């Protein structure tokens, strides 16, 4: 008897589970984080209006020689500053298909340090 397997990968199952009950509003946007091998990008999304409030990437930051984790922390602090300027104090953290460890975890902790309740 052949082994049966699910047609979705583990990452896709995780993404579906994370986003099932997540919805961003103007007062509490969804922070969607995308991670590649080299870079990290994030968007604050208002799903009600279908608009991106703030979008940033660590490519935009003036980087010296930093590790990818340190670049993520700098990105989180810049994002926190931009959200506070727009008078947003809370956000929902959408890690997507990424596990909550490494760069994603340090990014989330740095957003909290910047003053955004995630």
Foldseek 3Di string as FASTA:
>chain_A
DDDDDDPDDLLQVQLCVLPVPDAAAPQAFEWEWDDDPQWIKIFGAHRVVGDTPDIDILVPDPDDPDDRLVSLLVVLLVVLVSCVVVVHQEYHYRDGSDDCDDSNVSNVVSNVVSRHHD
